[in-house]
Protein backbone atom coordinates (compact mmCIF):
# COMPACT_ATOMS: atom_id res chain seq x y z
CA MET A 1 -6.48 32.46 -21.22
CA THR A 2 -5.06 33.23 -24.65
CA SER A 3 -3.62 30.52 -26.89
CA ASN A 4 -0.01 31.68 -26.43
CA ARG A 5 -0.41 31.89 -22.66
CA GLN A 6 -2.02 28.44 -22.64
CA THR A 7 0.97 27.05 -24.53
CA THR A 8 3.52 28.75 -22.27
CA THR A 9 1.77 27.48 -19.16
CA GLY A 10 1.55 24.00 -20.66
CA ILE A 11 5.27 23.96 -21.47
CA LEU A 12 6.16 25.03 -17.90
CA TYR A 13 3.97 22.26 -16.46
CA GLY A 14 5.52 19.79 -18.92
CA LEU A 15 9.10 20.78 -18.08
CA GLY A 16 8.36 20.53 -14.37
CA CYS A 17 6.83 17.05 -14.49
CA TYR A 18 9.44 15.57 -16.83
CA LEU A 19 12.39 16.95 -14.86
CA TRP A 20 10.80 15.53 -11.70
CA TRP A 21 10.27 12.12 -13.32
CA GLY A 22 13.81 12.15 -14.65
CA LEU A 23 15.20 12.40 -11.13
CA CYS A 24 12.65 10.16 -9.35
CA PRO A 25 14.84 7.00 -9.66
CA LEU A 26 16.89 8.55 -6.83
CA TYR A 27 13.82 8.17 -4.63
CA PHE A 28 12.90 4.64 -5.77
CA LYS A 29 16.48 3.45 -5.27
CA SER A 30 16.17 4.65 -1.66
CA VAL A 31 13.20 2.30 -1.12
CA ALA A 32 14.55 -0.57 -3.25
CA HIS A 33 14.69 -2.72 -0.08
CA VAL A 34 10.87 -2.61 0.05
CA PRO A 35 8.96 -5.02 -2.27
CA ALA A 36 7.69 -3.29 -5.42
CA GLY A 37 4.08 -4.24 -4.64
CA GLU A 38 4.17 -2.52 -1.27
CA VAL A 39 5.86 0.58 -2.68
CA LEU A 40 3.01 0.78 -5.22
CA ALA A 41 0.37 0.34 -2.51
CA GLN A 42 2.00 3.02 -0.35
CA ARG A 43 2.16 5.39 -3.35
CA ILE A 44 -1.55 4.99 -3.89
CA VAL A 45 -2.65 5.50 -0.27
CA TRP A 46 -0.38 8.46 0.52
CA SER A 47 -1.18 10.10 -2.81
CA LEU A 48 -4.88 9.97 -1.95
CA VAL A 49 -4.21 11.51 1.48
CA LEU A 50 -2.28 14.40 -0.10
CA LEU A 51 -4.86 14.94 -2.84
CA LEU A 52 -7.79 14.98 -0.41
CA ILE A 53 -5.98 17.63 1.65
CA LEU A 54 -5.41 19.72 -1.50
CA LEU A 55 -9.05 19.43 -2.55
CA ALA A 56 -10.29 20.27 0.95
CA ARG A 57 -8.14 23.41 1.04
CA ARG A 58 -9.57 24.43 -2.33
CA GLY A 59 -13.15 23.61 -1.30
CA ASP A 60 -13.35 21.22 -4.24
CA LEU A 61 -14.26 17.90 -2.62
CA VAL A 62 -17.99 18.06 -3.40
CA ALA A 63 -17.41 18.94 -7.06
CA THR A 64 -14.89 16.09 -7.39
CA LEU A 65 -17.36 13.58 -5.96
CA ALA A 66 -20.02 14.89 -8.35
CA GLN A 67 -17.73 14.28 -11.34
CA ALA A 68 -16.83 10.82 -10.05
CA ARG A 69 -20.53 9.91 -10.09
CA GLN A 70 -20.83 10.63 -13.81
CA PRO A 71 -20.75 7.18 -15.49
CA ARG A 72 -18.68 8.22 -18.52
CA ILE A 73 -16.02 9.99 -16.44
CA PHE A 74 -15.91 7.16 -13.89
CA LEU A 75 -15.45 4.47 -16.55
CA THR A 76 -12.76 6.48 -18.35
CA LEU A 77 -10.84 7.15 -15.14
CA THR A 78 -11.15 3.49 -14.16
CA ALA A 79 -9.36 2.64 -17.40
CA THR A 80 -6.68 5.29 -16.80
CA THR A 81 -6.33 3.97 -13.25
CA LEU A 82 -5.44 0.50 -14.52
CA LEU A 83 -2.98 1.95 -17.03
CA VAL A 84 -1.16 4.10 -14.49
CA ALA A 85 -1.05 1.24 -11.95
CA VAL A 86 0.64 -1.02 -14.52
CA ASN A 87 3.05 1.80 -15.38
CA TRP A 88 3.92 2.54 -11.75
CA PHE A 89 4.52 -1.10 -10.79
CA THR A 90 6.65 -1.81 -13.87
CA PHE A 91 8.86 1.22 -13.24
CA ILE A 92 9.30 0.48 -9.53
CA TRP A 93 10.17 -3.14 -10.29
CA ALA A 94 12.65 -2.15 -13.02
CA VAL A 95 14.47 0.37 -10.81
CA SER A 96 14.69 -2.04 -7.85
CA HIS A 97 16.11 -4.76 -10.15
CA ASP A 98 18.82 -2.52 -11.67
CA LEU A 99 17.02 -2.19 -15.00
CA LEU A 100 16.82 1.59 -15.09
CA LEU A 101 18.43 1.67 -18.55
CA GLN A 102 15.62 -0.44 -19.99
CA ALA A 103 13.06 1.67 -18.13
CA SER A 104 14.57 4.82 -19.64
CA LEU A 105 14.26 3.20 -23.09
CA GLY A 106 10.54 2.79 -22.41
CA TYR A 107 10.20 6.51 -21.83
CA PHE A 108 12.30 7.22 -24.92
CA ILE A 109 9.79 5.12 -26.90
CA ASN A 110 6.79 6.76 -25.22
CA PRO A 111 7.04 10.09 -27.10
CA LEU A 112 6.95 8.13 -30.38
CA VAL A 113 3.80 6.41 -29.12
CA ASN A 114 2.36 9.83 -28.20
CA VAL A 115 3.11 11.23 -31.66
CA LEU A 116 1.58 8.12 -33.25
CA LEU A 117 -1.57 8.45 -31.14
CA GLY A 118 -1.75 12.16 -31.93
CA LEU A 119 -1.54 11.43 -35.66
CA VAL A 120 -3.93 8.46 -35.74
CA ILE A 121 -6.54 9.32 -33.11
CA LEU A 122 -6.42 13.10 -32.71
CA ARG A 123 -5.67 13.77 -36.42
CA GLU A 124 -2.77 16.06 -35.57
CA ARG A 125 -0.34 16.93 -38.37
CA LEU A 126 3.44 17.18 -38.32
CA ARG A 127 5.43 19.73 -40.29
CA PRO A 128 8.42 18.63 -42.43
CA LEU A 129 11.09 19.34 -39.81
CA GLN A 130 9.01 17.49 -37.23
CA TRP A 131 8.89 14.44 -39.52
CA VAL A 132 12.71 14.56 -39.74
CA SER A 133 13.02 14.77 -35.95
CA LEU A 134 10.59 11.86 -35.56
CA ALA A 135 12.69 9.76 -37.96
CA LEU A 136 15.90 10.54 -36.05
CA ALA A 137 14.29 9.67 -32.73
CA THR A 138 12.94 6.40 -34.16
CA ILE A 139 16.39 5.41 -35.39
CA GLY A 140 17.88 6.21 -31.99
CA VAL A 141 15.29 4.11 -30.17
CA VAL A 142 15.74 1.16 -32.56
CA ILE A 143 19.53 1.22 -32.03
CA MET A 144 19.07 1.24 -28.27
CA GLY A 145 16.55 -1.60 -28.46
CA LEU A 146 18.93 -3.72 -30.57
CA ARG A 147 21.67 -3.10 -28.02
CA LEU A 148 19.48 -4.53 -25.25
CA GLY A 149 18.83 -7.66 -27.31
CA GLY A 150 15.45 -9.30 -27.81
CA LEU A 151 12.08 -7.71 -27.18
CA PRO A 152 12.38 -5.02 -24.48
CA VAL A 153 9.17 -5.98 -22.66
CA ILE A 154 9.66 -3.55 -19.78
CA SER A 155 10.29 -0.71 -22.21
CA LEU A 156 7.19 -1.47 -24.31
CA VAL A 157 4.90 -1.85 -21.30
CA LEU A 158 6.04 1.52 -19.91
CA ALA A 159 5.76 3.25 -23.30
CA PHE A 160 2.29 2.08 -24.28
CA SER A 161 0.69 2.15 -20.82
CA PHE A 162 1.66 5.79 -20.29
CA GLY A 163 0.94 6.73 -23.90
CA PHE A 164 -2.66 5.61 -23.65
CA TYR A 165 -2.94 7.03 -20.13
CA GLY A 166 -1.96 10.48 -21.33
CA LEU A 167 -4.26 10.31 -24.34
CA MET A 168 -7.28 9.30 -22.27
CA ARG A 169 -6.58 11.99 -19.68
CA LYS A 170 -6.29 14.59 -22.46
CA MET A 171 -9.72 13.57 -23.79
CA THR A 172 -11.38 13.62 -20.35
CA ALA A 173 -12.85 16.90 -19.08
CA VAL A 174 -11.47 16.52 -15.56
CA GLY A 175 -8.80 18.70 -13.97
CA GLY A 176 -5.44 17.33 -12.90
CA VAL A 177 -6.08 17.17 -9.14
CA ARG A 178 -9.68 15.99 -9.46
CA GLY A 179 -8.84 13.28 -11.96
CA LEU A 180 -5.88 11.94 -10.02
CA THR A 181 -7.93 11.94 -6.81
CA ILE A 182 -10.62 9.82 -8.45
CA GLU A 183 -7.98 7.47 -9.88
CA THR A 184 -6.21 6.95 -6.55
CA GLY A 185 -9.60 6.65 -4.84
CA ILE A 186 -10.45 3.75 -7.15
CA LEU A 187 -7.13 2.05 -6.37
CA THR A 188 -7.00 2.71 -2.62
CA PRO A 189 -9.35 -0.13 -1.47
CA VAL A 190 -7.18 -2.61 -3.40
CA ALA A 191 -3.98 -1.10 -1.95
CA LEU A 192 -5.33 -1.20 1.62
CA GLY A 193 -6.53 -4.77 1.13
CA ALA A 194 -3.09 -5.82 -0.08
CA MET A 195 -1.40 -4.16 2.90
CA LEU A 196 -3.77 -5.89 5.33
CA PHE A 197 -2.95 -9.19 3.65
CA TRP A 198 0.81 -8.59 3.98
CA GLN A 199 0.33 -7.50 7.59
CA GLY A 200 -1.47 -10.78 8.32
CA LYS A 201 1.48 -12.70 6.84
CA ALA A 202 4.00 -10.54 8.76
CA GLU A 203 5.42 -9.33 5.43
CA LEU A 204 4.45 -5.64 5.61
CA VAL A 205 7.53 -3.42 5.77
CA PHE A 206 5.78 -0.16 6.76
CA GLY A 207 5.85 0.24 10.54
CA HIS A 208 8.06 -2.81 11.03
CA LEU A 209 11.57 -1.83 9.85
CA ASP A 210 12.75 1.67 10.74
CA ARG A 211 11.43 5.22 10.91
CA SER A 212 13.42 6.45 7.89
CA THR A 213 11.79 3.80 5.68
CA ASP A 214 8.35 4.76 6.98
CA LEU A 215 9.00 8.44 6.22
CA LEU A 216 10.28 7.61 2.73
CA LEU A 217 7.16 5.56 1.99
CA MET A 218 4.93 8.35 3.28
CA ALA A 219 6.77 10.78 0.98
CA SER A 220 5.69 8.64 -1.99
CA GLY A 221 2.45 10.65 -2.04
CA VAL A 222 4.30 13.84 -2.93
CA VAL A 223 6.67 12.01 -5.31
CA THR A 224 3.67 10.54 -7.14
CA ALA A 225 0.97 13.19 -7.08
CA VAL A 226 2.82 16.41 -7.89
CA PRO A 227 4.29 15.43 -11.30
CA LEU A 228 1.07 13.68 -12.38
CA ILE A 229 -0.95 16.81 -11.63
CA TRP A 230 1.53 18.85 -13.67
CA PHE A 231 1.41 16.28 -16.48
CA ALA A 232 -2.39 16.38 -16.68
CA ASN A 233 -2.30 20.18 -16.82
CA ALA A 234 0.34 20.09 -19.57
CA ALA A 235 -1.55 17.51 -21.63
CA ARG A 236 -4.72 19.62 -21.60
CA ARG A 237 -2.90 22.75 -22.85
CA LEU A 238 -0.50 21.36 -25.48
CA ARG A 239 -0.70 19.38 -28.71
CA TYR A 240 -0.16 15.74 -27.83
CA SER A 241 2.81 15.47 -30.19
CA THR A 242 4.45 18.41 -28.34
CA VAL A 243 3.91 16.63 -25.03
CA GLY A 244 5.57 13.61 -26.60
CA PHE A 245 8.77 15.39 -27.47
CA LEU A 246 9.02 17.21 -24.13
CA GLN A 247 9.01 13.81 -22.51
CA TYR A 248 12.52 13.07 -23.75
CA LEU A 249 13.78 15.10 -20.78
CA ALA A 250 12.77 12.42 -18.25
CA PRO A 251 14.38 9.35 -19.87
CA SER A 252 17.48 11.37 -20.72
CA LEU A 253 18.01 12.14 -17.04
CA GLN A 254 17.18 8.53 -16.14
CA PHE A 255 19.69 7.37 -18.75
CA LEU A 256 22.41 9.58 -17.22
CA LEU A 257 21.60 8.29 -13.73
CA ALA A 258 21.72 4.67 -14.91
CA VAL A 259 25.13 5.08 -16.54
CA PHE A 260 26.99 7.60 -14.36
CA VAL A 261 25.41 7.08 -10.92
CA TYR A 262 24.32 3.42 -10.88
CA HIS A 263 26.94 2.21 -13.39
CA GLU A 264 24.69 0.00 -15.49
CA PRO A 265 26.40 -1.45 -18.63
CA PHE A 266 26.92 1.21 -21.31
CA ALA A 267 28.22 0.91 -24.89
CA ARG A 268 28.81 3.22 -27.87
CA SER A 269 25.43 2.28 -29.32
CA GLU A 270 23.69 3.88 -26.31
CA LEU A 271 25.74 7.04 -26.83
CA LEU A 272 24.72 7.14 -30.51
CA SER A 273 21.07 6.66 -29.56
CA PHE A 274 21.35 9.42 -26.98
CA ILE A 275 22.81 11.84 -29.55
CA LEU A 276 20.16 11.00 -32.18
CA ILE A 277 17.27 11.41 -29.76
CA TRP A 278 18.51 14.72 -28.39
CA SER A 279 19.13 15.96 -31.94
CA ALA A 280 15.51 15.09 -32.70
CA LEU A 281 14.35 17.02 -29.63
CA GLY A 282 16.46 20.00 -30.68
CA MET A 283 14.93 20.01 -34.18
CA PHE A 284 11.40 19.74 -32.82
CA THR A 285 12.02 22.58 -30.36
CA LEU A 286 13.60 24.78 -33.05
CA ASP A 287 10.61 24.22 -35.31
CA ALA A 288 8.21 25.17 -32.50
CA VAL A 289 10.18 28.35 -31.68
CA VAL A 290 10.35 29.48 -35.33
CA ARG A 291 6.64 28.86 -35.81
CA ALA A 292 5.78 30.77 -32.61
CA ARG A 293 7.85 33.79 -33.73
CA ARG A 294 6.17 33.81 -37.14
CA SER A 295 2.72 33.67 -35.61
CA ASN A 296 3.57 36.58 -33.29
CA ALA A 297 5.12 38.70 -36.05
CA PRO A 298 3.08 41.82 -36.96
């Protein structure tokens, strides 16, 4: 696959996963009556079921198990497993407690973390217009953080957990489906153990409330696995700083849902932050388009 085709494919995967994540609060609001811990456990178990079916259809189960047995890959994916579990639980808890605005701030901060990791660890370089866009985005995030008051713990946990998750997945030679299958496989015994514990205490919601709740929890496998597979494929094809700026799509949609659908408190400072961050994304995109045209010019 040529470099330009790799980039185009990566951008399509990136757009798909971030649009999906931007709208996923609609799903988590629908299961807000279920404790966050159980929603997380259900996500893990049903994601593994879906992924095993996908691998079986592709005839890829044996190869996935072989990669999981490699010590370096297993240790790396164990670390990414812990990071994504922290990220999932924090987001579920924030949405169920009407803190979607602070969660969206975390994903506004995350692209800055991605750019920082790309610069420091991967030695990527930014062009002048990209530095300007990074500065505008930073100012927008700082204004939004000041508006929330105090240290936005939820935002920082979401930003850094997913930033390091994406970086480690980018540096691991495992495909999107294989890697996510290994990660959910590592988490599944813990998730099943937790559900057995809640069942013993008569606190398990699944199978004990109504059929619609059961079906929603079962759908968590699709809600979880599909965008993560797309994200892993995007991260492997694009510069990490590019992945970072594409990510503004998800928190922007979450921000709009928080304000216009769920009516969380909104002030002029949030609007200013929103404008600055989207201006930064526009500059970064314009720079990428201009550079691509120059490279393709005869």
